[in-house]
C-alpha cells in the first residue's frame, strides 16, 4: 500500500502487521483498534486529524509522518522514530514518548499535558506554543529546540 490514498477508509480493527504504508494518506480514516507492529513501514504516512487514542506505536519508524490535528491521547510511542514528523496541533495528553526520537519534529501548538518524554531526543524540535504542563522531560535532549511561548 505504498503511497496509497486511503482517505476516509474504514480500517476499524484492521490488522496492518507487516503492511507497508510508506507515504500513504489515511486522512479522515477510521483507524480505531487497528493493529500496527514494529515491522510496519509507516514513514511519511499522513494520518492528519485521525483519532489514535491509546494506540501503541512503540518502535515504529514514523520519519516524516504528518500527524497534524491527530488525537493521540494516551498513545504509547516508546522508542518510536518521529524524526521530521509534523505534529502541529496534535493532542498528545498523557502520551508516553520515552526514548522517542523527535529530532526536527514540529510540535507547534501540540498538547503534551502530562506526557512522558523521559530520555526523548528533541534536538532542533519546534515546540512553539506547545503545552507541556506536567510533562516529564527527565534526561530529555532539547539541544536547539524552540520553546517560544511554550507552556512549561
C-alpha atoms as a PDB file:
ATOM      1  CA  UNK A   1       0.000   0.000   0.000  1.00  0.00           C
ATOM      2  CA  UNK A   2       2.940   2.285  -0.686  1.00  0.00           C
ATOM      3  CA  UNK A   3       1.655   5.825  -1.449  1.00  0.00           C
ATOM      4  CA  UNK A   4      -1.921   4.519  -1.234  1.00  0.00           C
ATOM      5  CA  UNK A   5      -4.765   7.006  -0.831  1.00  0.00           C
ATOM      6  CA  UNK A   6      -6.907   5.617   1.987  1.00  0.00           C
ATOM      7  CA  UNK A   7      -8.665   8.889   2.763  1.00  0.00           C
ATOM      8  CA  UNK A   8     -11.844   8.275   4.782  1.00  0.00           C
ATOM      9  CA  UNK A   9     -11.307   4.484   4.674  1.00  0.00           C
ATOM     10  CA  UNK A  10     -12.816   2.320   7.398  1.00  0.00           C
ATOM     11  CA  UNK A  11      -9.867   0.459   8.889  1.00  0.00           C
ATOM     12  CA  UNK A  12     -11.545  -0.363  12.195  1.00  0.00           C
ATOM     13  CA  UNK A  13      -9.744  -3.315  13.805  1.00  0.00           C
ATOM     14  CA  UNK A  14      -7.669  -3.834  10.651  1.00  0.00           C
ATOM     15  CA  UNK A  15      -4.562  -5.957  11.105  1.00  0.00           C
ATOM     16  CA  UNK A  16      -1.834  -3.904   9.441  1.00  0.00           C
ATOM     17  CA  UNK A  17       1.029  -6.039  10.765  1.00  0.00           C
ATOM     18  CA  UNK A  18       3.914  -6.003   8.284  1.00  0.00           C
ATOM     19  CA  UNK A  19       1.986  -3.649   5.973  1.00  0.00           C
ATOM     20  CA  UNK A  20       3.972  -1.085   4.015  1.00  0.00           C
ATOM     21  CA  UNK A  21       2.227   2.263   4.387  1.00  0.00           C
ATOM     22  CA  UNK A  22       5.113   4.444   3.232  1.00  0.00           C
ATOM     23  CA  UNK A  23       3.716   7.841   2.154  1.00  0.00           C
ATOM     24  CA  UNK A  24       0.139   6.539   2.428  1.00  0.00           C
ATOM     25  CA  UNK A  25      -2.650   9.046   3.094  1.00  0.00           C
ATOM     26  CA  UNK A  26      -5.089   7.997   5.811  1.00  0.00           C
ATOM     27  CA  UNK A  27      -6.593  11.423   6.479  1.00  0.00           C
ATOM     28  CA  UNK A  28     -10.080  11.070   7.957  1.00  0.00           C
ATOM     29  CA  UNK A  29      -9.830   7.281   8.061  1.00  0.00           C
ATOM     30  CA  UNK A  30     -11.244   5.325  10.964  1.00  0.00           C
ATOM     31  CA  UNK A  31      -8.220   3.523  12.384  1.00  0.00           C
ATOM     32  CA  UNK A  32      -9.689   2.685  15.787  1.00  0.00           C
ATOM     33  CA  UNK A  33      -8.357  -0.590  17.169  1.00  0.00           C
ATOM     34  CA  UNK A  34      -6.152  -1.087  14.098  1.00  0.00           C
ATOM     35  CA  UNK A  35      -3.078  -3.195  14.801  1.00  0.00           C
ATOM     36  CA  UNK A  36       0.345  -1.845  13.874  1.00  0.00           C
ATOM     37  CA  UNK A  37       3.504  -3.735  14.702  1.00  0.00           C
ATOM     38  CA  UNK A  38       7.139  -2.588  14.710  1.00  0.00           C
ATOM     39  CA  UNK A  39       7.748  -4.173  11.312  1.00  0.00           C
ATOM     40  CA  UNK A  40       5.077  -1.989   9.707  1.00  0.00           C
ATOM     41  CA  UNK A  41       6.681   0.610   7.422  1.00  0.00           C
ATOM     42  CA  UNK A  42       4.873   3.889   8.046  1.00  0.00           C
ATOM     43  CA  UNK A  43       7.484   6.502   7.086  1.00  0.00           C
ATOM     44  CA  UNK A  44       5.872   9.577   5.560  1.00  0.00           C
ATOM     45  CA  UNK A  45       2.340   8.399   6.376  1.00  0.00           C
ATOM     46  CA  UNK A  46      -0.357  11.096   6.663  1.00  0.00           C
ATOM     47  CA  UNK A  47      -2.843  10.498   9.467  1.00  0.00           C
ATOM     48  CA  UNK A  48      -3.884  14.126   9.919  1.00  0.00           C
ATOM     49  CA  UNK A  49      -6.918  14.583  12.122  1.00  0.00           C
ATOM     50  CA  UNK A  50      -7.260  10.890  12.985  1.00  0.00           C
ATOM     51  CA  UNK A  51      -8.247   9.621  16.417  1.00  0.00           C
ATOM     52  CA  UNK A  52      -5.387   7.425  17.605  1.00  0.00           C
ATOM     53  CA  UNK A  53      -6.271   7.455  21.307  1.00  0.00           C
ATOM     54  CA  UNK A  54      -4.410   4.768  23.274  1.00  0.00           C
ATOM     55  CA  UNK A  55      -2.622   3.472  20.134  1.00  0.00           C
ATOM     56  CA  UNK A  56       0.624   1.579  20.633  1.00  0.00           C
ATOM     57  CA  UNK A  57       3.110   2.976  18.141  1.00  0.00           C
ATOM     58  CA  UNK A  58       6.200   1.802  20.026  1.00  0.00           C
ATOM     59  CA  UNK A  59       9.303   1.141  17.945  1.00  0.00           C
ATOM     60  CA  UNK A  60       7.636   2.348  14.732  1.00  0.00           C
ATOM     61  CA  UNK A  61       9.563   4.466  12.239  1.00  0.00           C
ATOM     62  CA  UNK A  62       7.303   7.455  11.612  1.00  0.00           C
ATOM     63  CA  UNK A  63      10.014   9.569   9.971  1.00  0.00           C
ATOM     64  CA  UNK A  64       8.412  12.438   8.070  1.00  0.00           C
ATOM     65  CA  UNK A  65       4.901  11.431   9.137  1.00  0.00           C
ATOM     66  CA  UNK A  66       2.119  14.020   9.140  1.00  0.00           C
ATOM     67  CA  UNK A  67       0.123  13.820  12.374  1.00  0.00           C
ATOM     68  CA  UNK A  68      -1.361  17.329  12.375  1.00  0.00           C
ATOM     69  CA  UNK A  69      -4.526  17.694  14.455  1.00  0.00           C
ATOM     70  CA  UNK A  70      -4.312  13.998  15.397  1.00  0.00           C
ATOM     71  CA  UNK A  71      -5.775  12.926  18.739  1.00  0.00           C
ATOM     72  CA  UNK A  72      -3.188  10.671  20.339  1.00  0.00           C
ATOM     73  CA  UNK A  73      -4.290  10.888  23.955  1.00  0.00           C
ATOM     74  CA  UNK A  74      -2.667   8.126  25.991  1.00  0.00           C
ATOM     75  CA  UNK A  75      -0.787   6.767  22.966  1.00  0.00           C
ATOM     76  CA  UNK A  76       2.380   4.789  23.640  1.00  0.00           C
ATOM     77  CA  UNK A  77       5.287   5.691  21.381  1.00  0.00           C
ATOM     78  CA  UNK A  78       8.196   4.254  23.332  1.00  0.00           C
ATOM     79  CA  UNK A  79      11.362   4.237  21.196  1.00  0.00           C
ATOM     80  CA  UNK A  80       9.407   5.457  18.168  1.00  0.00           C
ATOM     81  CA  UNK A  81      11.242   7.447  15.491  1.00  0.00           C
ATOM     82  CA  UNK A  82       9.384  10.675  14.743  1.00  0.00           C
ATOM     83  CA  UNK A  83      12.254  12.481  13.028  1.00  0.00           C
ATOM     84  CA  UNK A  84      10.949  15.424  10.975  1.00  0.00           C
ATOM     85  CA  UNK A  85       7.364  14.427  11.815  1.00  0.00           C
ATOM     86  CA  UNK A  86       4.689  17.144  11.758  1.00  0.00           C
ATOM     87  CA  UNK A  87       2.675  17.018  14.991  1.00  0.00           C
ATOM     88  CA  UNK A  88       1.253  20.552  14.750  1.00  0.00           C
ATOM     89  CA  UNK A  89      -1.881  20.859  16.916  1.00  0.00           C
ATOM     90  CA  UNK A  90      -1.672  17.165  17.896  1.00  0.00           C
ATOM     91  CA  UNK A  91      -3.227  16.169  21.211  1.00  0.00           C
ATOM     92  CA  UNK A  92      -0.621  14.053  22.998  1.00  0.00           C
ATOM     93  CA  UNK A  93      -2.095  14.355  26.503  1.00  0.00           C
ATOM     94  CA  UNK A  94      -0.766  11.518  28.694  1.00  0.00           C
ATOM     95  CA  UNK A  95       1.201  10.093  25.744  1.00  0.00           C
ATOM     96  CA  UNK A  96       4.287   8.025  26.507  1.00  0.00           C
ATOM     97  CA  UNK A  97       7.249   9.078  24.364  1.00  0.00           C
ATOM     98  CA  UNK A  98      10.039   7.522  26.418  1.00  0.00           C
ATOM     99  CA  UNK A  99      13.221   7.166  24.332  1.00  0.00           C
ATOM    100  CA  UNK A 100      11.403   8.583  21.283  1.00  0.00           C
ATOM    101  CA  UNK A 101      13.419  10.407  18.627  1.00  0.00           C
ATOM    102  CA  UNK A 102      11.701  13.690  17.762  1.00  0.00           C
ATOM    103  CA  UNK A 103      14.697  15.345  16.078  1.00  0.00           C
ATOM    104  CA  UNK A 104      13.497  18.179  13.793  1.00  0.00           C
ATOM    105  CA  UNK A 105       9.865  17.387  14.670  1.00  0.00           C
ATOM    106  CA  UNK A 106       7.262  20.165  14.504  1.00  0.00           C
ATOM    107  CA  UNK A 107       5.220  20.214  17.728  1.00  0.00           C
ATOM    108  CA  UNK A 108       3.801  23.730  17.290  1.00  0.00           C
ATOM    109  CA  UNK A 109       0.644  24.127  19.423  1.00  0.00           C
ATOM    110  CA  UNK A 110       0.829  20.442  20.404  1.00  0.00           C
ATOM    111  CA  UNK A 111      -0.806  19.484  23.687  1.00  0.00           C
ATOM    112  CA  UNK A 112       1.725  17.443  25.670  1.00  0.00           C
ATOM    113  CA  UNK A 113      -0.008  17.837  29.035  1.00  0.00           C
ATOM    114  CA  UNK A 114       1.217  15.096  31.401  1.00  0.00           C
ATOM    115  CA  UNK A 115       3.125  13.418  28.557  1.00  0.00           C
ATOM    116  CA  UNK A 116       6.195  11.346  29.416  1.00  0.00           C
ATOM    117  CA  UNK A 117       9.239  12.346  27.364  1.00  0.00           C
ATOM    118  CA  UNK A 118      11.890  10.665  29.506  1.00  0.00           C
ATOM    119  CA  UNK A 119      15.141  10.266  27.518  1.00  0.00           C
ATOM    120  CA  UNK A 120      13.408  11.630  24.408  1.00  0.00           C
ATOM    121  CA  UNK A 121      15.517  13.384  21.790  1.00  0.00           C
ATOM    122  CA  UNK A 122      14.014  16.743  20.830  1.00  0.00           C
ATOM    123  CA  UNK A 123      17.065  18.196  19.085  1.00  0.00           C
ATOM    124  CA  UNK A 124      16.023  21.054  16.761  1.00  0.00           C
ATOM    125  CA  UNK A 125      12.361  20.352  17.531  1.00  0.00           C
ATOM    126  CA  UNK A 126       9.930  23.249  17.127  1.00  0.00           C
ATOM    127  CA  UNK A 127       7.679  23.418  20.183  1.00  0.00           C
ATOM    128  CA  UNK A 128       6.329  26.940  19.746  1.00  0.00           C
ATOM    129  CA  UNK A 129       3.199  27.453  21.880  1.00  0.00           C
ATOM    130  CA  UNK A 130       3.212  23.784  22.913  1.00  0.00           C
ATOM    131  CA  UNK A 131       1.514  22.896  26.190  1.00  0.00           C
ATOM    132  CA  UNK A 132       3.974  20.948  28.356  1.00  0.00           C
ATOM    133  CA  UNK A 133       2.077  21.328  31.634  1.00  0.00           C
ATOM    134  CA  UNK A 134       3.084  18.474  33.979  1.00  0.00           C
ATOM    135  CA  UNK A 135       5.092  16.812  31.186  1.00  0.00           C
ATOM    136  CA  UNK A 136       8.038  14.688  32.297  1.00  0.00           C
ATOM    137  CA  UNK A 137      11.235  15.679  30.478  1.00  0.00           C
ATOM    138  CA  UNK A 138      13.733  13.798  32.651  1.00  0.00           C
ATOM    139  CA  UNK A 139      17.005  13.351  30.723  1.00  0.00           C
ATOM    140  CA  UNK A 140      15.380  14.604  27.510  1.00  0.00           C
ATOM    141  CA  UNK A 141      17.696  16.239  24.967  1.00  0.00           C
ATOM    142  CA  UNK A 142      16.441  19.690  23.979  1.00  0.00           C
ATOM    143  CA  UNK A 143      19.506  20.948  22.091  1.00  0.00           C
ATOM    144  CA  UNK A 144      18.465  23.863  19.844  1.00  0.00           C
ATOM    145  CA  UNK A 145      14.764  23.141  20.471  1.00  0.00           C
ATOM    146  CA  UNK A 146      12.461  26.135  20.009  1.00  0.00           C
ATOM    147  CA  UNK A 147      10.181  26.634  23.017  1.00  0.00           C
ATOM    148  CA  UNK A 148       8.893  30.129  22.223  1.00  0.00           C
ATOM    149  CA  UNK A 149       5.614  30.793  24.090  1.00  0.00           C
ATOM    150  CA  UNK A 150       5.506  27.155  25.268  1.00  0.00           C
ATOM    151  CA  UNK A 151       3.606  26.490  28.482  1.00  0.00           C
ATOM    152  CA  UNK A 152       6.102  24.829  30.795  1.00  0.00           C
END
